[in-house]
Amino acid sequence: MSDSLSFDPFDAAQTQHMWDLMREFRDRAPVARIGNGFVYVSRYADVKTVLRDQETFSNGGGMRPTGVEIPLHDASIGELVPPVHPPVRRLALTAAHGGGIVERLRPEVRRVSEDLLTELVAQGGGDLIAGLSLPLTNRVIGALLGVDRGACDRLAEWSEQIMMSTLTVTNE
């Protein structure tokens, strides 16, 4: 990797305008340590390799800088490492797939998707991430958790506030 390429995922000035830099990483350093214990991986084959090599590439810190200790009861599933992560992941997947939840949610997901796309068309276009992907994801997660449909957007706002706070960096 070139010494001239660097990226701090905790620097809002960089993360808000990172697309040209990420393109350069893809071209020059498709697997690169970017600081704070993070590794940037941009190619499918490399992602598969990284995800299977848990000794070299650990997600133990989650989205927090290296050195921040996270008690097990405060860790998200993305911050768990073996031997804890595999059984928790299996439990989560079993809960999501068990009892036909995916099939029961299919009509609701389709209806929400159609509503969101109808809104985008009525506006004459828009950002697919902001107008479709994020609200759809939030509403599906809310439905999986049994959250009232009307509260899903508020829950997403709270999640965004948490992600933008110091909690994700300091665990305080």
N, C-alpha and C. Protein backbone atom coordinates (compact mmCIF):
# COMPACT_ATOMS: atom_id res chain seq x y z
N MET A 1 0.84 -1.18 0.00
CA MET A 1 0.00 0.00 0.00
C MET A 1 0.88 1.24 0.00
N SER A 2 0.46 2.22 -0.69
CA SER A 2 1.19 3.48 -0.74
C SER A 2 1.03 4.24 0.57
N ASP A 3 2.14 4.85 1.04
CA ASP A 3 2.05 5.64 2.26
C ASP A 3 1.16 6.86 2.08
N SER A 4 0.93 7.27 0.84
CA SER A 4 0.13 8.47 0.61
C SER A 4 -1.36 8.22 0.81
N LEU A 5 -1.78 6.97 0.87
CA LEU A 5 -3.18 6.66 1.08
C LEU A 5 -3.45 6.46 2.56
N SER A 6 -4.34 7.26 3.10
CA SER A 6 -4.74 7.08 4.49
C SER A 6 -6.19 7.51 4.63
N PHE A 7 -6.86 6.90 5.61
CA PHE A 7 -8.28 7.18 5.84
C PHE A 7 -8.59 6.93 7.29
N ASP A 8 -9.29 7.86 7.92
CA ASP A 8 -9.72 7.72 9.31
C ASP A 8 -11.24 7.62 9.32
N PRO A 9 -11.80 6.44 9.60
CA PRO A 9 -13.26 6.28 9.58
C PRO A 9 -13.97 7.08 10.66
N PHE A 10 -13.23 7.66 11.60
CA PHE A 10 -13.84 8.46 12.65
C PHE A 10 -13.75 9.96 12.38
N ASP A 11 -13.22 10.33 11.23
CA ASP A 11 -13.10 11.74 10.86
C ASP A 11 -14.24 12.09 9.90
N ALA A 12 -15.23 12.83 10.40
CA ALA A 12 -16.40 13.17 9.59
C ALA A 12 -16.02 13.93 8.34
N ALA A 13 -14.98 14.73 8.38
CA ALA A 13 -14.56 15.48 7.20
C ALA A 13 -14.13 14.52 6.08
N GLN A 14 -13.57 13.38 6.47
CA GLN A 14 -13.18 12.39 5.48
C GLN A 14 -14.35 11.50 5.06
N THR A 15 -15.15 11.06 6.02
CA THR A 15 -16.21 10.11 5.70
C THR A 15 -17.33 10.73 4.88
N GLN A 16 -17.51 12.03 4.99
CA GLN A 16 -18.57 12.70 4.22
C GLN A 16 -18.18 12.90 2.76
N HIS A 17 -16.89 12.77 2.45
CA HIS A 17 -16.39 13.00 1.09
C HIS A 17 -15.33 11.96 0.75
N MET A 18 -15.70 10.69 0.85
CA MET A 18 -14.68 9.64 0.75
C MET A 18 -14.66 8.89 -0.58
N TRP A 19 -15.56 9.16 -1.48
CA TRP A 19 -15.75 8.29 -2.64
C TRP A 19 -14.54 8.29 -3.59
N ASP A 20 -13.95 9.43 -3.85
CA ASP A 20 -12.77 9.44 -4.72
C ASP A 20 -11.61 8.69 -4.07
N LEU A 21 -11.44 8.88 -2.77
CA LEU A 21 -10.37 8.20 -2.05
C LEU A 21 -10.61 6.69 -2.05
N MET A 22 -11.85 6.25 -1.86
CA MET A 22 -12.13 4.81 -1.86
C MET A 22 -11.88 4.22 -3.24
N ARG A 23 -12.14 4.96 -4.30
CA ARG A 23 -11.83 4.50 -5.65
C ARG A 23 -10.32 4.31 -5.79
N GLU A 24 -9.56 5.25 -5.24
CA GLU A 24 -8.10 5.14 -5.30
C GLU A 24 -7.62 3.93 -4.51
N PHE A 25 -8.22 3.69 -3.33
CA PHE A 25 -7.88 2.49 -2.57
C PHE A 25 -8.17 1.24 -3.39
N ARG A 26 -9.34 1.17 -4.02
CA ARG A 26 -9.69 0.00 -4.84
C ARG A 26 -8.65 -0.24 -5.92
N ASP A 27 -8.19 0.85 -6.55
CA ASP A 27 -7.22 0.72 -7.63
C ASP A 27 -5.81 0.37 -7.14
N ARG A 28 -5.38 1.00 -6.06
CA ARG A 28 -3.99 0.88 -5.62
C ARG A 28 -3.77 -0.04 -4.43
N ALA A 29 -4.77 -0.19 -3.57
CA ALA A 29 -4.59 -0.97 -2.35
C ALA A 29 -5.93 -1.61 -1.96
N PRO A 30 -6.36 -2.64 -2.69
CA PRO A 30 -7.69 -3.20 -2.45
C PRO A 30 -7.86 -3.85 -1.08
N VAL A 31 -6.76 -4.22 -0.42
CA VAL A 31 -6.79 -4.67 0.98
C VAL A 31 -5.77 -3.80 1.70
N ALA A 32 -6.26 -2.94 2.59
CA ALA A 32 -5.35 -1.99 3.22
C ALA A 32 -5.74 -1.74 4.68
N ARG A 33 -4.75 -1.72 5.53
CA ARG A 33 -4.99 -1.30 6.92
C ARG A 33 -5.07 0.22 6.90
N ILE A 34 -6.19 0.75 7.43
CA ILE A 34 -6.43 2.19 7.32
C ILE A 34 -6.32 2.92 8.65
N GLY A 35 -5.96 2.24 9.68
CA GLY A 35 -5.82 2.89 10.98
C GLY A 35 -6.92 2.48 11.93
N ASN A 36 -6.68 2.71 13.20
CA ASN A 36 -7.61 2.37 14.26
C ASN A 36 -8.02 0.90 14.22
N GLY A 37 -7.15 0.05 13.67
CA GLY A 37 -7.43 -1.38 13.63
C GLY A 37 -8.31 -1.82 12.48
N PHE A 38 -8.73 -0.91 11.62
CA PHE A 38 -9.62 -1.24 10.52
C PHE A 38 -8.85 -1.68 9.28
N VAL A 39 -9.51 -2.51 8.50
CA VAL A 39 -8.97 -2.95 7.22
C VAL A 39 -10.02 -2.61 6.17
N TYR A 40 -9.58 -1.93 5.10
CA TYR A 40 -10.46 -1.63 3.98
C TYR A 40 -10.28 -2.75 2.96
N VAL A 41 -11.39 -3.38 2.57
CA VAL A 41 -11.36 -4.48 1.62
C VAL A 41 -12.38 -4.18 0.54
N SER A 42 -11.95 -4.17 -0.74
CA SER A 42 -12.85 -3.69 -1.78
C SER A 42 -13.21 -4.72 -2.84
N ARG A 43 -12.62 -5.88 -2.82
CA ARG A 43 -12.89 -6.86 -3.87
C ARG A 43 -13.50 -8.12 -3.28
N TYR A 44 -14.47 -8.68 -3.98
CA TYR A 44 -15.24 -9.82 -3.49
C TYR A 44 -14.34 -10.96 -3.02
N ALA A 45 -13.40 -11.38 -3.84
CA ALA A 45 -12.54 -12.51 -3.47
C ALA A 45 -11.74 -12.19 -2.20
N ASP A 46 -11.28 -10.95 -2.09
CA ASP A 46 -10.54 -10.55 -0.89
C ASP A 46 -11.46 -10.53 0.33
N VAL A 47 -12.70 -10.08 0.16
CA VAL A 47 -13.66 -10.07 1.28
C VAL A 47 -13.87 -11.49 1.78
N LYS A 48 -14.06 -12.44 0.87
CA LYS A 48 -14.23 -13.84 1.27
C LYS A 48 -13.03 -14.33 2.07
N THR A 49 -11.84 -13.99 1.62
CA THR A 49 -10.62 -14.41 2.31
C THR A 49 -10.53 -13.78 3.70
N VAL A 50 -10.78 -12.49 3.77
CA VAL A 50 -10.70 -11.78 5.05
C VAL A 50 -11.72 -12.33 6.04
N LEU A 51 -12.95 -12.55 5.60
CA LEU A 51 -13.99 -13.04 6.50
C LEU A 51 -13.68 -14.44 7.05
N ARG A 52 -12.88 -15.20 6.33
CA ARG A 52 -12.54 -16.56 6.77
C ARG A 52 -11.28 -16.60 7.63
N ASP A 53 -10.50 -15.54 7.64
CA ASP A 53 -9.24 -15.51 8.39
C ASP A 53 -9.43 -14.66 9.65
N GLN A 54 -10.04 -15.27 10.66
CA GLN A 54 -10.38 -14.53 11.87
C GLN A 54 -9.18 -14.25 12.77
N GLU A 55 -8.09 -14.95 12.54
CA GLU A 55 -6.90 -14.66 13.35
C GLU A 55 -6.21 -13.39 12.88
N THR A 56 -6.13 -13.21 11.56
CA THR A 56 -5.47 -12.03 11.01
C THR A 56 -6.40 -10.83 11.03
N PHE A 57 -7.67 -11.07 10.73
CA PHE A 57 -8.65 -9.98 10.59
C PHE A 57 -9.77 -10.19 11.60
N SER A 58 -9.63 -9.60 12.77
CA SER A 58 -10.64 -9.73 13.82
C SER A 58 -11.53 -8.50 13.84
N ASN A 59 -12.81 -8.71 14.09
CA ASN A 59 -13.74 -7.59 14.24
C ASN A 59 -14.04 -7.34 15.71
N GLY A 60 -13.13 -7.74 16.59
CA GLY A 60 -13.34 -7.63 18.02
C GLY A 60 -13.63 -6.22 18.51
N GLY A 61 -13.13 -5.21 17.85
CA GLY A 61 -13.40 -3.84 18.28
C GLY A 61 -14.63 -3.25 17.65
N GLY A 62 -15.23 -3.98 16.71
CA GLY A 62 -16.41 -3.47 16.03
C GLY A 62 -16.08 -2.15 15.34
N MET A 63 -16.96 -1.20 15.48
CA MET A 63 -16.74 0.12 14.86
C MET A 63 -16.20 1.10 15.89
N ARG A 64 -15.24 0.67 16.66
CA ARG A 64 -14.65 1.51 17.68
C ARG A 64 -13.14 1.51 17.49
N PRO A 65 -12.48 2.56 17.92
CA PRO A 65 -11.02 2.60 17.77
C PRO A 65 -10.35 1.48 18.56
N THR A 66 -9.18 1.07 18.11
CA THR A 66 -8.40 0.05 18.80
C THR A 66 -8.16 0.47 20.24
N GLY A 67 -8.31 -0.46 21.15
CA GLY A 67 -8.05 -0.20 22.55
C GLY A 67 -9.29 0.08 23.38
N VAL A 68 -10.43 0.38 22.76
CA VAL A 68 -11.66 0.60 23.51
C VAL A 68 -12.20 -0.77 23.91
N GLU A 69 -12.32 -1.00 25.21
CA GLU A 69 -12.81 -2.27 25.71
C GLU A 69 -14.33 -2.24 25.77
N ILE A 70 -14.95 -3.26 25.21
CA ILE A 70 -16.40 -3.35 25.20
C ILE A 70 -16.81 -4.56 26.03
N PRO A 71 -17.53 -4.33 27.13
CA PRO A 71 -18.01 -5.49 27.89
C PRO A 71 -18.92 -6.34 27.01
N LEU A 72 -18.89 -7.64 27.21
CA LEU A 72 -19.67 -8.56 26.38
C LEU A 72 -21.14 -8.15 26.32
N HIS A 73 -21.71 -7.71 27.44
CA HIS A 73 -23.14 -7.38 27.45
C HIS A 73 -23.44 -6.08 26.67
N ASP A 74 -22.43 -5.29 26.32
CA ASP A 74 -22.62 -4.07 25.53
C ASP A 74 -22.27 -4.26 24.06
N ALA A 75 -21.69 -5.40 23.72
CA ALA A 75 -21.21 -5.62 22.35
C ALA A 75 -22.36 -5.93 21.40
N SER A 76 -22.23 -5.41 20.18
CA SER A 76 -23.18 -5.78 19.13
C SER A 76 -22.69 -7.08 18.50
N ILE A 77 -23.54 -7.71 17.70
CA ILE A 77 -23.14 -8.97 17.08
C ILE A 77 -21.92 -8.78 16.19
N GLY A 78 -21.77 -7.60 15.60
CA GLY A 78 -20.62 -7.32 14.75
C GLY A 78 -19.32 -7.17 15.53
N GLU A 79 -19.42 -7.01 16.84
CA GLU A 79 -18.23 -6.85 17.67
C GLU A 79 -17.81 -8.15 18.35
N LEU A 80 -18.61 -9.18 18.22
CA LEU A 80 -18.30 -10.46 18.84
C LEU A 80 -17.29 -11.23 18.01
N VAL A 81 -16.42 -11.95 18.67
CA VAL A 81 -15.43 -12.77 17.99
C VAL A 81 -15.59 -14.21 18.49
N PRO A 82 -15.08 -15.18 17.73
CA PRO A 82 -15.14 -16.56 18.19
C PRO A 82 -14.44 -16.69 19.54
N PRO A 83 -14.93 -17.51 20.41
CA PRO A 83 -15.97 -18.51 20.21
C PRO A 83 -17.39 -18.00 20.47
N VAL A 84 -17.57 -16.74 20.84
CA VAL A 84 -18.90 -16.22 21.17
C VAL A 84 -19.74 -15.96 19.91
N HIS A 85 -19.14 -15.40 18.87
CA HIS A 85 -19.90 -14.98 17.69
C HIS A 85 -20.68 -16.10 16.98
N PRO A 86 -20.06 -17.25 16.64
CA PRO A 86 -20.80 -18.26 15.87
C PRO A 86 -22.12 -18.72 16.50
N PRO A 87 -22.16 -19.06 17.80
CA PRO A 87 -23.46 -19.50 18.33
C PRO A 87 -24.50 -18.37 18.39
N VAL A 88 -24.05 -17.14 18.65
CA VAL A 88 -24.99 -16.02 18.67
C VAL A 88 -25.53 -15.77 17.27
N ARG A 89 -24.66 -15.84 16.26
CA ARG A 89 -25.09 -15.65 14.87
C ARG A 89 -26.08 -16.74 14.47
N ARG A 90 -25.79 -18.00 14.82
CA ARG A 90 -26.71 -19.10 14.50
C ARG A 90 -28.07 -18.87 15.16
N LEU A 91 -28.05 -18.43 16.41
CA LEU A 91 -29.30 -18.17 17.13
C LEU A 91 -30.09 -17.06 16.44
N ALA A 92 -29.40 -15.98 16.04
CA ALA A 92 -30.08 -14.87 15.36
C ALA A 92 -30.66 -15.33 14.02
N LEU A 93 -29.89 -16.10 13.26
CA LEU A 93 -30.38 -16.58 11.96
C LEU A 93 -31.54 -17.55 12.13
N THR A 94 -31.45 -18.42 13.13
CA THR A 94 -32.55 -19.34 13.39
C THR A 94 -33.81 -18.58 13.77
N ALA A 95 -33.65 -17.56 14.61
CA ALA A 95 -34.82 -16.76 15.01
C ALA A 95 -35.42 -16.04 13.81
N ALA A 96 -34.58 -15.53 12.92
CA ALA A 96 -35.08 -14.80 11.75
C ALA A 96 -35.75 -15.73 10.75
N HIS A 97 -35.23 -16.95 10.60
CA HIS A 97 -35.78 -17.86 9.60
C HIS A 97 -36.83 -18.81 10.17
N GLY A 98 -36.77 -19.04 11.46
CA GLY A 98 -37.69 -19.98 12.08
C GLY A 98 -39.12 -19.47 12.09
N GLY A 99 -40.04 -20.39 12.10
CA GLY A 99 -41.45 -20.03 12.21
C GLY A 99 -42.01 -19.31 11.00
N GLY A 100 -41.31 -19.33 9.88
CA GLY A 100 -41.84 -18.71 8.66
C GLY A 100 -41.88 -17.20 8.68
N ILE A 101 -41.06 -16.56 9.53
CA ILE A 101 -41.10 -15.09 9.64
C ILE A 101 -40.80 -14.41 8.31
N VAL A 102 -39.86 -14.96 7.56
CA VAL A 102 -39.50 -14.33 6.28
C VAL A 102 -40.70 -14.36 5.34
N GLU A 103 -41.37 -15.51 5.25
CA GLU A 103 -42.54 -15.61 4.38
C GLU A 103 -43.68 -14.72 4.87
N ARG A 104 -43.86 -14.65 6.18
CA ARG A 104 -44.93 -13.78 6.72
C ARG A 104 -44.66 -12.32 6.44
N LEU A 105 -43.38 -11.92 6.41
CA LEU A 105 -43.04 -10.51 6.18
C LEU A 105 -43.01 -10.13 4.70
N ARG A 106 -42.93 -11.12 3.82
CA ARG A 106 -42.80 -10.84 2.39
C ARG A 106 -43.85 -9.85 1.87
N PRO A 107 -45.14 -10.00 2.16
CA PRO A 107 -46.13 -9.03 1.65
C PRO A 107 -45.91 -7.62 2.20
N GLU A 108 -45.55 -7.51 3.47
CA GLU A 108 -45.30 -6.20 4.07
C GLU A 108 -44.08 -5.54 3.44
N VAL A 109 -43.02 -6.31 3.22
CA VAL A 109 -41.81 -5.77 2.61
C VAL A 109 -42.11 -5.30 1.19
N ARG A 110 -42.88 -6.07 0.46
CA ARG A 110 -43.24 -5.68 -0.90
C ARG A 110 -44.07 -4.38 -0.87
N ARG A 111 -45.05 -4.30 0.05
CA ARG A 111 -45.89 -3.11 0.14
C ARG A 111 -45.07 -1.88 0.52
N VAL A 112 -44.18 -2.01 1.49
CA VAL A 112 -43.33 -0.88 1.90
C VAL A 112 -42.43 -0.46 0.74
N SER A 113 -41.86 -1.45 0.04
CA SER A 113 -41.00 -1.14 -1.12
C SER A 113 -41.78 -0.36 -2.18
N GLU A 114 -42.97 -0.83 -2.48
CA GLU A 114 -43.79 -0.14 -3.49
C GLU A 114 -44.15 1.27 -3.04
N ASP A 115 -44.48 1.44 -1.76
CA ASP A 115 -44.81 2.78 -1.23
C ASP A 115 -43.62 3.72 -1.36
N LEU A 116 -42.44 3.24 -0.97
CA LEU A 116 -41.24 4.08 -1.02
C LEU A 116 -40.87 4.43 -2.47
N LEU A 117 -41.00 3.46 -3.37
CA LEU A 117 -40.70 3.73 -4.78
C LEU A 117 -41.73 4.70 -5.37
N THR A 118 -42.98 4.56 -4.97
CA THR A 118 -44.02 5.48 -5.44
C THR A 118 -43.71 6.91 -5.01
N GLU A 119 -43.23 7.07 -3.78
CA GLU A 119 -42.83 8.40 -3.29
C GLU A 119 -41.70 8.97 -4.14
N LEU A 120 -40.70 8.14 -4.45
CA LEU A 120 -39.57 8.60 -5.26
C LEU A 120 -40.04 9.02 -6.66
N VAL A 121 -40.92 8.23 -7.25
CA VAL A 121 -41.45 8.57 -8.58
C VAL A 121 -42.23 9.87 -8.52
N ALA A 122 -43.06 10.04 -7.50
CA ALA A 122 -43.86 11.26 -7.35
C ALA A 122 -42.97 12.49 -7.20
N GLN A 123 -41.79 12.33 -6.61
CA GLN A 123 -40.85 13.44 -6.45
C GLN A 123 -40.04 13.68 -7.71
N GLY A 124 -40.21 12.82 -8.70
CA GLY A 124 -39.45 12.96 -9.94
C GLY A 124 -38.06 12.35 -9.85
N GLY A 125 -37.82 11.51 -8.85
CA GLY A 125 -36.53 10.86 -8.65
C GLY A 125 -36.01 11.12 -7.26
N GLY A 126 -34.81 10.67 -7.02
CA GLY A 126 -34.23 10.88 -5.70
C GLY A 126 -33.08 9.94 -5.44
N ASP A 127 -32.61 9.97 -4.24
CA ASP A 127 -31.49 9.16 -3.79
C ASP A 127 -32.03 7.80 -3.34
N LEU A 128 -31.60 6.71 -4.01
CA LEU A 128 -32.10 5.38 -3.68
C LEU A 128 -31.69 4.93 -2.28
N ILE A 129 -30.53 5.38 -1.81
CA ILE A 129 -30.11 4.99 -0.47
C ILE A 129 -31.03 5.66 0.56
N ALA A 130 -31.15 6.97 0.48
CA ALA A 130 -31.97 7.71 1.45
C ALA A 130 -33.46 7.45 1.28
N GLY A 131 -33.91 7.28 0.04
CA GLY A 131 -35.34 7.17 -0.22
C GLY A 131 -35.89 5.76 -0.23
N LEU A 132 -35.01 4.76 -0.39
CA LEU A 132 -35.50 3.38 -0.45
C LEU A 132 -34.72 2.47 0.49
N SER A 133 -33.42 2.36 0.30
CA SER A 133 -32.64 1.37 1.02
C SER A 133 -32.70 1.55 2.54
N LEU A 134 -32.41 2.74 3.03
CA LEU A 134 -32.40 2.94 4.49
C LEU A 134 -33.78 2.80 5.12
N PRO A 135 -34.82 3.48 4.59
CA PRO A 135 -36.11 3.30 5.25
C PRO A 135 -36.64 1.87 5.14
N LEU A 136 -36.39 1.20 4.01
CA LEU A 136 -36.85 -0.19 3.88
C LEU A 136 -36.14 -1.08 4.89
N THR A 137 -34.83 -0.94 4.98
CA THR A 137 -34.06 -1.73 5.94
C THR A 137 -34.55 -1.49 7.36
N ASN A 138 -34.74 -0.22 7.71
CA ASN A 138 -35.19 0.11 9.07
C ASN A 138 -36.57 -0.48 9.36
N ARG A 139 -37.45 -0.43 8.39
CA ARG A 139 -38.81 -0.95 8.61
C ARG A 139 -38.82 -2.47 8.67
N VAL A 140 -37.96 -3.14 7.90
CA VAL A 140 -37.89 -4.60 7.97
C VAL A 140 -37.30 -5.03 9.31
N ILE A 141 -36.24 -4.37 9.74
CA ILE A 141 -35.67 -4.69 11.06
C ILE A 141 -36.70 -4.44 12.15
N GLY A 142 -37.41 -3.33 12.05
CA GLY A 142 -38.47 -3.05 13.01
C GLY A 142 -39.53 -4.14 13.03
N ALA A 143 -39.93 -4.59 11.86
CA ALA A 143 -40.94 -5.66 11.78
C ALA A 143 -40.41 -6.95 12.40
N LEU A 144 -39.13 -7.27 12.15
CA LEU A 144 -38.53 -8.47 12.74
C LEU A 144 -38.52 -8.38 14.27
N LEU A 145 -38.33 -7.16 14.77
CA LEU A 145 -38.27 -6.95 16.22
C LEU A 145 -39.64 -6.75 16.85
N GLY A 146 -40.68 -6.66 16.00
CA GLY A 146 -42.03 -6.44 16.51
C GLY A 146 -42.32 -5.00 16.84
N VAL A 147 -41.55 -4.07 16.27
CA VAL A 147 -41.75 -2.63 16.51
C VAL A 147 -42.90 -2.15 15.65
N ASP A 148 -43.78 -1.34 16.22
CA ASP A 148 -44.89 -0.76 15.48
C ASP A 148 -44.36 -0.01 14.26
N ARG A 149 -45.02 -0.20 13.12
CA ARG A 149 -44.55 0.40 11.87
C ARG A 149 -44.33 1.91 12.01
N GLY A 150 -45.20 2.59 12.71
CA GLY A 150 -45.08 4.04 12.89
C GLY A 150 -43.85 4.46 13.69
N ALA A 151 -43.31 3.54 14.49
CA ALA A 151 -42.16 3.87 15.33
C ALA A 151 -40.83 3.53 14.66
N CYS A 152 -40.86 2.83 13.53
CA CYS A 152 -39.61 2.39 12.89
C CYS A 152 -38.73 3.56 12.47
N ASP A 153 -39.32 4.60 11.89
CA ASP A 153 -38.51 5.74 11.46
C ASP A 153 -37.88 6.44 12.66
N ARG A 154 -38.63 6.55 13.74
CA ARG A 154 -38.09 7.19 14.96
C ARG A 154 -36.95 6.33 15.53
N LEU A 155 -37.13 5.02 15.53
CA LEU A 155 -36.08 4.12 15.99
C LEU A 155 -34.82 4.29 15.14
N ALA A 156 -35.01 4.44 13.85
CA ALA A 156 -33.87 4.67 12.95
C ALA A 156 -33.18 5.99 13.27
N GLU A 157 -33.95 7.03 13.58
CA GLU A 157 -33.35 8.32 13.96
C GLU A 157 -32.52 8.16 15.23
N TRP A 158 -33.04 7.46 16.21
CA TRP A 158 -32.29 7.25 17.45
C TRP A 158 -31.01 6.46 17.18
N SER A 159 -31.10 5.44 16.33
CA SER A 159 -29.91 4.66 15.98
C SER A 159 -28.86 5.55 15.34
N GLU A 160 -29.29 6.42 14.44
CA GLU A 160 -28.36 7.34 13.77
C GLU A 160 -27.72 8.28 14.79
N GLN A 161 -28.50 8.77 15.75
CA GLN A 161 -27.95 9.65 16.79
C GLN A 161 -26.90 8.91 17.61
N ILE A 162 -27.17 7.65 17.92
CA ILE A 162 -26.19 6.86 18.68
C ILE A 162 -24.92 6.69 17.86
N MET A 163 -25.07 6.36 16.57
CA MET A 163 -23.90 6.14 15.72
C MET A 163 -23.07 7.42 15.54
N MET A 164 -23.69 8.57 15.61
CA MET A 164 -22.98 9.84 15.46
C MET A 164 -22.46 10.36 16.80
N SER A 165 -22.82 9.70 17.88
CA SER A 165 -22.39 10.15 19.21
C SER A 165 -21.02 9.59 19.54
N THR A 166 -20.53 9.91 20.73
CA THR A 166 -19.24 9.37 21.18
C THR A 166 -19.39 7.94 21.69
N LEU A 167 -20.62 7.44 21.85
CA LEU A 167 -20.82 6.09 22.36
C LEU A 167 -20.09 5.06 21.51
N THR A 168 -20.17 5.21 20.18
CA THR A 168 -19.54 4.22 19.31
C THR A 168 -18.02 4.27 19.38
N VAL A 169 -17.48 5.38 19.82
CA VAL A 169 -16.02 5.53 19.90
C VAL A 169 -15.51 5.22 21.29
N THR A 170 -16.20 5.71 22.31
CA THR A 170 -15.69 5.60 23.69
C THR A 170 -16.44 4.60 24.56
N ASN A 171 -17.61 4.14 24.09
CA ASN A 171 -18.49 3.27 24.88
C ASN A 171 -18.97 3.97 26.15
N GLU A 172 -19.04 5.31 26.09
CA GLU A 172 -19.53 6.09 27.24
C GLU A 172 -20.71 6.92 26.84
